[in-house]
Amino acid sequence: MSKNRILIVEDEEAIAKMIAMNLKVANYETKMYYDGAKAAEALNEDHNYDLALLDVMLPGMDGFELLNVMNHYDIPVIFLTAKDDIGSKVQGLKGGAEDYIVKPFEVLELLVRMEKVLERSHKSSPVLKVLNMEINFEEHSVRQGGKEVLLKPKEFELLAVLAKNKNIAISRENLLRMVWGIEYMGETRTVDVHIGQLRKKLGLSEHIKTISKLGYRLEE
């Protein structure tokens, strides 16, 4: 499966590099620019991006102006900005942005929202290959060595969350919210039971790591 290409335009170099580092761990390919005008100019030569993450307050060309350029190249946009006023949010969303996230934000939240945008824009692959598994989201199936392994619906959804965010530790509470829904009021023990089933059915005892006092991480 080819990696999704993500354009990051953020004038604070430390923040841009932090985002790029986390996206690399999550199996994305990234390109960074610290100036809006330079990013716009570079798009003339290379606009093959699946998604752009834009700050609003940028030198050269601000994020709202840059959004128009992204729209021209049909690149979905998520704003990542410290501007939390409702006017800026409305301007960004009415201008065509897919989402608007206010800093500071959790990396996991960003990854989940990116995933949703890529799905809506049909730029995410229906098949994900992790370790010796082939996870097909359209078929809701998992295969190992060409042989299908039957999983219950919640087991599949839990595996999908871990696989899409591989190498990233996810708390039990976040797993409950992402798999069972934010309204789910069950004990976090539910997550432990389903993790146990995934380890057993797929032989993942060495790859689904327990993170003490937090949750779990799928490692390749």
Protein backbone atom coordinates (compact mmCIF):
# COMPACT_ATOMS: atom_id res chain seq x y z
CA MET A 1 0.00 0.00 0.00
CA SER A 2 1.44 3.38 -1.01
CA LYS A 3 1.78 6.02 1.66
CA ASN A 4 -0.53 9.02 1.70
CA ARG A 5 1.38 12.26 1.07
CA ILE A 6 0.68 15.06 3.53
CA LEU A 7 1.66 18.72 3.05
CA ILE A 8 2.42 20.61 6.27
CA VAL A 9 2.54 24.42 6.17
CA GLU A 10 3.44 25.76 9.62
CA ASP A 11 5.73 28.71 10.37
CA GLU A 12 6.89 27.36 13.74
CA GLU A 13 9.60 24.91 12.74
CA ALA A 14 9.48 22.92 16.00
CA ILE A 15 5.73 22.32 15.64
CA ALA A 16 6.06 21.38 11.96
CA LYS A 17 8.79 18.86 12.73
CA MET A 18 6.82 17.41 15.65
CA ILE A 19 3.81 16.86 13.39
CA ALA A 20 5.97 15.37 10.62
CA MET A 21 7.70 13.01 13.07
CA ASN A 22 4.39 11.68 14.37
CA LEU A 23 2.96 11.29 10.88
CA LYS A 24 6.05 9.35 9.80
CA VAL A 25 5.50 6.93 12.70
CA ALA A 26 1.90 6.55 11.51
CA ASN A 27 3.17 5.65 8.01
CA TYR A 28 2.54 8.95 6.20
CA GLU A 29 4.92 10.71 3.84
CA THR A 30 5.28 14.43 4.56
CA LYS A 31 6.61 17.64 3.06
CA MET A 32 7.05 20.81 5.15
CA TYR A 33 7.01 24.51 4.35
CA TYR A 34 7.31 27.39 6.81
CA ASP A 35 6.03 30.10 4.46
CA GLY A 36 2.62 30.23 2.77
CA ALA A 37 3.82 31.90 -0.42
CA LYS A 38 6.67 29.41 -0.86
CA ALA A 39 4.26 26.50 -0.37
CA ALA A 40 1.90 27.96 -3.00
CA GLU A 41 4.78 28.45 -5.44
CA ALA A 42 6.02 24.88 -4.93
CA LEU A 43 2.56 23.52 -5.76
CA ASN A 44 3.06 24.65 -9.35
CA GLU A 45 5.67 21.92 -9.70
CA ASP A 46 4.32 19.29 -7.31
CA HIS A 47 0.71 19.17 -6.12
CA ASN A 48 0.40 15.42 -5.67
CA TYR A 49 -0.79 15.56 -2.06
CA ASP A 50 -3.63 13.67 -0.43
CA LEU A 51 -4.13 16.21 2.37
CA ALA A 52 -2.74 19.53 3.60
CA LEU A 53 -2.35 20.66 7.22
CA LEU A 54 -2.31 24.47 7.30
CA ASP A 55 -1.70 27.06 9.95
CA VAL A 56 -3.76 30.24 9.54
CA MET A 57 -1.15 32.82 10.53
CA LEU A 58 1.65 32.31 8.01
CA PRO A 59 4.25 34.63 6.47
CA GLY A 60 4.02 35.35 2.75
CA MET A 61 0.45 34.11 2.34
CA ASP A 62 -1.94 33.33 5.17
CA GLY A 63 -3.77 30.04 5.52
CA PHE A 64 -7.07 31.35 4.20
CA GLU A 65 -5.40 32.57 1.00
CA LEU A 66 -3.49 29.31 0.72
CA LEU A 67 -6.78 27.40 1.09
CA ASN A 68 -7.89 28.83 -2.26
CA VAL A 69 -4.74 27.43 -3.86
CA MET A 70 -5.37 24.03 -2.29
CA ASN A 71 -8.95 24.08 -3.58
CA HIS A 72 -7.60 24.73 -7.09
CA TYR A 73 -5.53 21.54 -6.89
CA ASP A 74 -8.31 19.61 -5.14
CA ILE A 75 -6.21 19.02 -2.02
CA PRO A 76 -8.33 18.52 1.15
CA VAL A 77 -7.34 20.86 4.00
CA ILE A 78 -7.33 20.65 7.78
CA PHE A 79 -6.47 23.85 9.62
CA LEU A 80 -4.21 23.52 12.67
CA THR A 81 -4.16 26.90 14.32
CA ALA A 82 -4.10 28.87 17.54
CA LYS A 83 -6.89 31.13 16.21
CA ASP A 84 -9.84 29.84 18.20
CA ASP A 85 -12.37 32.59 17.48
CA ILE A 86 -15.62 31.50 15.84
CA GLY A 87 -15.16 33.96 12.96
CA SER A 88 -11.91 32.33 11.84
CA LYS A 89 -13.41 28.85 12.15
CA VAL A 90 -16.44 29.79 10.08
CA GLN A 91 -14.24 31.48 7.47
CA GLY A 92 -12.06 28.36 7.17
CA LEU A 93 -14.93 25.88 6.94
CA LYS A 94 -17.01 28.04 4.58
CA GLY A 95 -13.90 28.46 2.45
CA GLY A 96 -13.80 24.70 1.90
CA ALA A 97 -11.60 23.30 4.67
CA GLU A 98 -12.53 19.79 5.80
CA ASP A 99 -11.77 20.44 9.47
CA TYR A 100 -10.48 23.08 11.87
CA ILE A 101 -8.41 22.00 14.88
CA VAL A 102 -7.32 24.48 17.55
CA LYS A 103 -3.86 24.22 19.13
CA PRO A 104 -2.84 22.60 21.37
CA PHE A 105 -4.18 19.25 20.17
CA GLU A 106 -3.51 15.57 20.82
CA VAL A 107 -1.67 13.73 18.05
CA LEU A 108 -4.18 10.88 18.24
CA GLU A 109 -7.05 13.30 17.64
CA LEU A 110 -5.24 14.69 14.59
CA LEU A 111 -4.61 11.19 13.19
CA VAL A 112 -8.26 10.20 13.63
CA ARG A 113 -9.51 13.36 11.95
CA MET A 114 -7.01 12.95 9.11
CA GLU A 115 -8.20 9.40 8.60
CA LYS A 116 -11.81 10.57 8.35
CA VAL A 117 -10.93 13.23 5.77
CA LEU A 118 -8.94 10.76 3.67
CA GLU A 119 -11.88 8.35 3.77
CA ARG A 120 -14.37 11.05 2.74
CA SER A 121 -12.15 12.16 -0.14
CA HIS A 122 -11.59 8.52 -1.20
CA LYS A 123 -7.83 8.88 -0.86
CA SER A 124 -7.34 6.15 1.72
CA SER A 125 -6.71 2.58 0.67
CA PRO A 126 -9.42 0.00 1.49
CA VAL A 127 -6.66 -2.49 2.36
CA LEU A 128 -4.02 -2.08 5.05
CA LYS A 129 -1.07 -4.46 5.38
CA VAL A 130 0.47 -4.69 8.84
CA LEU A 131 2.84 -7.43 10.00
CA ASN A 132 1.54 -10.62 8.33
CA MET A 133 -2.04 -9.34 8.18
CA GLU A 134 -4.10 -7.91 5.35
CA ILE A 135 -6.99 -5.86 6.72
CA ASN A 136 -9.75 -5.12 4.21
CA PHE A 137 -12.05 -2.34 5.42
CA GLU A 138 -14.59 -2.74 2.64
CA GLU A 139 -14.99 -6.48 3.25
CA HIS A 140 -14.52 -6.13 7.02
CA SER A 141 -12.11 -9.06 6.80
CA VAL A 142 -8.62 -10.01 8.02
CA ARG A 143 -6.31 -12.47 6.30
CA GLN A 144 -3.04 -14.01 7.40
CA GLY A 145 -1.05 -15.80 4.73
CA GLY A 146 -4.08 -15.67 2.44
CA LYS A 147 -6.32 -17.39 5.00
CA GLU A 148 -9.18 -15.47 6.53
CA VAL A 149 -9.32 -15.18 10.32
CA LEU A 150 -12.84 -14.67 11.62
CA LEU A 151 -13.22 -11.77 14.03
CA LYS A 152 -16.25 -10.43 15.82
CA PRO A 153 -17.28 -6.87 14.75
CA LYS A 154 -15.75 -5.12 17.78
CA GLU A 155 -12.58 -7.22 17.52
CA PHE A 156 -12.21 -6.08 13.91
CA GLU A 157 -12.82 -2.43 14.80
CA LEU A 158 -10.31 -2.60 17.66
CA LEU A 159 -7.69 -4.16 15.39
CA ALA A 160 -8.37 -1.49 12.76
CA VAL A 161 -7.76 1.33 15.26
CA LEU A 162 -4.53 -0.25 16.50
CA ALA A 163 -3.31 -0.94 12.94
CA LYS A 164 -4.09 2.53 11.60
CA ASN A 165 -2.23 4.02 14.55
CA LYS A 166 0.54 1.43 14.79
CA ASN A 167 3.53 2.23 16.99
CA ILE A 168 1.41 4.77 18.89
CA ALA A 169 0.24 4.09 22.45
CA ILE A 170 -3.54 4.47 22.85
CA SER A 171 -5.21 4.65 26.24
CA ARG A 172 -8.01 2.28 27.19
CA GLU A 173 -10.35 5.27 27.47
CA ASN A 174 -9.55 6.40 23.92
CA LEU A 175 -9.97 2.87 22.61
CA LEU A 176 -13.39 2.72 24.30
CA ARG A 177 -14.35 6.01 22.69
CA MET A 178 -13.02 5.11 19.23
CA VAL A 179 -14.41 1.56 19.06
CA TRP A 180 -17.47 1.48 21.31
CA GLY A 181 -18.44 5.15 21.02
CA ILE A 182 -18.15 8.05 23.42
CA GLU A 183 -21.50 7.18 24.96
CA TYR A 184 -20.29 3.70 25.92
CA MET A 185 -20.29 3.47 29.71
CA GLY A 186 -18.64 0.05 30.12
CA GLU A 187 -15.56 -0.72 32.16
CA THR A 188 -12.15 -0.46 30.53
CA ARG A 189 -11.88 -4.17 31.28
CA THR A 190 -13.89 -4.62 28.08
CA VAL A 191 -10.86 -3.43 26.12
CA ASP A 192 -8.57 -5.89 27.92
CA VAL A 193 -10.85 -8.83 27.08
CA HIS A 194 -10.98 -7.93 23.39
CA ILE A 195 -7.21 -7.37 23.27
CA GLY A 196 -6.80 -10.87 24.70
CA GLN A 197 -8.96 -12.30 21.92
CA LEU A 198 -6.98 -10.49 19.21
CA ARG A 199 -3.70 -11.76 20.63
CA LYS A 200 -5.04 -15.31 20.69
CA LYS A 201 -6.78 -15.39 17.29
CA LEU A 202 -4.03 -13.59 15.37
CA GLY A 203 -0.94 -14.64 17.35
CA LEU A 204 -0.15 -11.06 18.28
CA SER A 205 1.08 -11.55 21.83
CA GLU A 206 4.52 -10.18 20.92
CA HIS A 207 3.16 -7.26 18.89
CA ILE A 208 0.25 -5.85 20.91
CA LYS A 209 2.19 -4.33 23.78
CA THR A 210 0.62 -3.44 27.11
CA ILE A 211 1.61 0.08 28.16
CA SER A 212 1.62 0.20 31.94
CA LYS A 213 -1.13 2.38 33.46
CA LEU A 214 -2.20 3.54 29.99
CA GLY A 215 -3.34 1.10 27.33
CA TYR A 216 -1.94 -0.67 24.27
CA ARG A 217 0.30 -0.24 21.24
CA LEU A 218 0.58 -2.37 18.08
CA GLU A 219 4.23 -2.69 17.08
CA GLU A 220 5.63 -3.94 13.81
